[in-house]
Each structure stands twice: as structure tokens, then as C-alpha cells.
Amino acid sequence: MIISELKAFDLLKSKFKLSDENARAVIFEINATDRKITEQVEDEFLKRKDVFLTKDDKVELIEKIEQQAQKIERTRADLIKWMFIFWIGQLAALVGLFKLFIP
């Protein structure tokens, strides 16, 4: 028994006039109940752990968002570049057709 259990054991014997066996039984039940409650709290925490956002999770999430933003930026720049190339090609083709049909 640890010190707090010994104190509780002495209190049960002196204040409630329990026998050694009954005092031990009460201490045992208190410990068993404490373990059950602790397990229930831990189980509930594990169930809800995915809901909580820790500081590390936040940093990781911000890094991922920044990486995605950079990818979108690069894709946008490439898209604009290829649009101008396409427009210049279309304009050159149109000018060529005009020169072909208009003397």
C-alpha cells in the first residue's frame, strides 16, 4: 500500500470502526473504481484525439497549406505563359491566312 492508502486504511479503522479485512476491501474497491474511471477517460480521450489540434499539428497543417499555395502559384504562372504562347500562335496563323487570301 502507498501512503495515501495507509492513511485511508487507518481512517477507515479508527473513524468507521472497520475490521482490517473490511478496510482493505474498501481500499481495494476505491482503487478498482479509480482504475476503471482512468481507463474510461483515456478511452474517451483516444476516441476524440483526432478532434484536438495540437501545436505540432497546426504547424504541419500550415506547412502543407503553404506548399499547396506554392504549387497553385506555379501552375497559374505556367498556365498564363502557355496562354500567351497559344494566343501568339493563333495571331500568327490568322495573319498568315489574311496574307494568303488578301493580296
Protein backbone atom coordinates (compact mmCIF):
# COMPACT_ATOMS: atom_id res chain seq x y z
CA MET A 1 0.00 0.00 0.00
CA ILE A 2 1.10 3.54 -0.67
CA ILE A 3 1.00 6.27 1.98
CA SER A 4 -2.41 7.66 0.98
CA GLU A 5 -3.85 4.14 1.09
CA LEU A 6 -2.35 3.59 4.53
CA LYS A 7 -3.87 6.85 5.77
CA ALA A 8 -7.25 5.88 4.32
CA PHE A 9 -6.88 2.41 5.88
CA ASP A 10 -6.19 3.96 9.31
CA LEU A 11 -9.13 6.36 8.94
CA LEU A 12 -11.48 3.54 7.98
CA LYS A 13 -10.37 1.54 11.01
CA SER A 14 -10.45 4.40 13.52
CA LYS A 15 -13.39 6.55 12.37
CA PHE A 16 -15.66 3.88 10.91
CA LYS A 17 -14.53 1.04 13.19
CA LEU A 18 -13.99 -1.37 10.29
CA SER A 19 -12.00 -4.54 10.62
CA ASP A 20 -8.69 -4.90 8.77
CA GLU A 21 -10.31 -7.12 6.16
CA ASN A 22 -13.21 -4.70 5.52
CA ALA A 23 -10.90 -1.67 5.40
CA ARG A 24 -8.71 -3.46 2.85
CA ALA A 25 -11.82 -4.33 0.82
CA VAL A 26 -12.90 -0.67 0.76
CA ILE A 27 -9.41 0.44 -0.31
CA PHE A 28 -9.38 -2.26 -2.99
CA GLU A 29 -12.77 -1.10 -4.34
CA ILE A 30 -11.65 2.53 -4.36
CA ASN A 31 -8.53 1.57 -6.34
CA ALA A 32 -10.55 -0.59 -8.75
CA THR A 33 -13.02 2.23 -9.34
CA ASP A 34 -10.17 4.68 -9.85
CA ARG A 35 -8.60 2.38 -12.46
CA LYS A 36 -11.95 1.99 -14.26
CA ILE A 37 -12.53 5.74 -14.36
CA THR A 38 -8.97 6.34 -15.57
CA GLU A 39 -9.43 3.76 -18.35
CA GLN A 40 -12.74 5.30 -19.38
CA VAL A 41 -11.21 8.78 -19.53
CA GLU A 42 -8.25 7.50 -21.55
CA ASP A 43 -10.56 5.63 -23.94
CA GLU A 44 -12.70 8.72 -24.43
CA PHE A 45 -9.61 10.82 -24.99
CA LEU A 46 -8.33 8.38 -27.61
CA LYS A 47 -11.72 8.46 -29.35
CA ARG A 48 -11.65 12.25 -29.50
CA LYS A 49 -7.92 12.64 -30.06
CA ASP A 50 -8.43 13.23 -33.77
CA VAL A 51 -10.65 16.21 -32.97
CA PHE A 52 -7.97 18.02 -30.98
CA LEU A 53 -5.44 20.15 -32.83
CA THR A 54 -2.04 20.33 -31.19
CA LYS A 55 0.61 22.95 -31.86
CA ASP A 56 2.61 20.44 -33.94
CA ASP A 57 -0.49 19.57 -35.95
CA LYS A 58 -1.10 23.26 -36.58
CA VAL A 59 2.47 23.82 -37.79
CA GLU A 60 2.24 20.78 -40.06
CA LEU A 61 -1.09 21.93 -41.44
CA ILE A 62 0.24 25.43 -42.15
CA GLU A 63 3.27 23.96 -43.96
CA LYS A 64 1.02 21.79 -46.13
CA ILE A 65 -1.20 24.76 -46.97
CA GLU A 66 1.85 26.84 -47.90
CA GLN A 67 3.14 24.04 -50.15
CA GLN A 68 -0.23 23.79 -51.88
CA ALA A 69 -0.33 27.58 -52.34
CA GLN A 70 3.12 27.47 -53.97
CA LYS A 71 2.02 24.68 -56.31
CA ILE A 72 -1.07 26.66 -57.30
CA GLU A 73 1.08 29.75 -57.90
CA ARG A 74 3.48 27.83 -60.15
CA THR A 75 0.62 26.22 -62.04
CA ARG A 76 -1.06 29.60 -62.54
CA ALA A 77 2.18 31.11 -63.88
CA ASP A 78 2.66 28.18 -66.28
CA LEU A 79 -0.93 28.43 -67.45
CA ILE A 80 -0.60 32.16 -68.19
CA LYS A 81 2.67 31.54 -70.04
CA TRP A 82 1.12 28.85 -72.25
CA MET A 83 -1.97 31.01 -72.87
CA PHE A 84 0.22 33.78 -74.29
CA ILE A 85 2.11 31.29 -76.44
CA PHE A 86 -1.22 29.94 -77.75
CA TRP A 87 -2.55 33.45 -78.46
CA ILE A 88 0.62 34.43 -80.33
CA GLY A 89 0.36 31.23 -82.38
CA GLN A 90 -3.28 31.94 -83.16
CA LEU A 91 -2.46 35.52 -84.14
CA ALA A 92 0.39 34.33 -86.42
CA ALA A 93 -1.94 31.78 -88.05
CA LEU A 94 -4.61 34.45 -88.58
CA VAL A 95 -2.09 36.88 -90.08
CA GLY A 96 -0.84 34.11 -92.38
CA LEU A 97 -4.39 33.34 -93.55
CA PHE A 98 -5.05 37.01 -94.23
CA LYS A 99 -1.87 37.30 -96.29
CA LEU A 100 -2.79 34.17 -98.20
CA PHE A 101 -6.31 35.28 -99.14
CA ILE A 102 -5.90 39.05 -99.31
CA PRO A 103 -3.39 40.14 -101.99
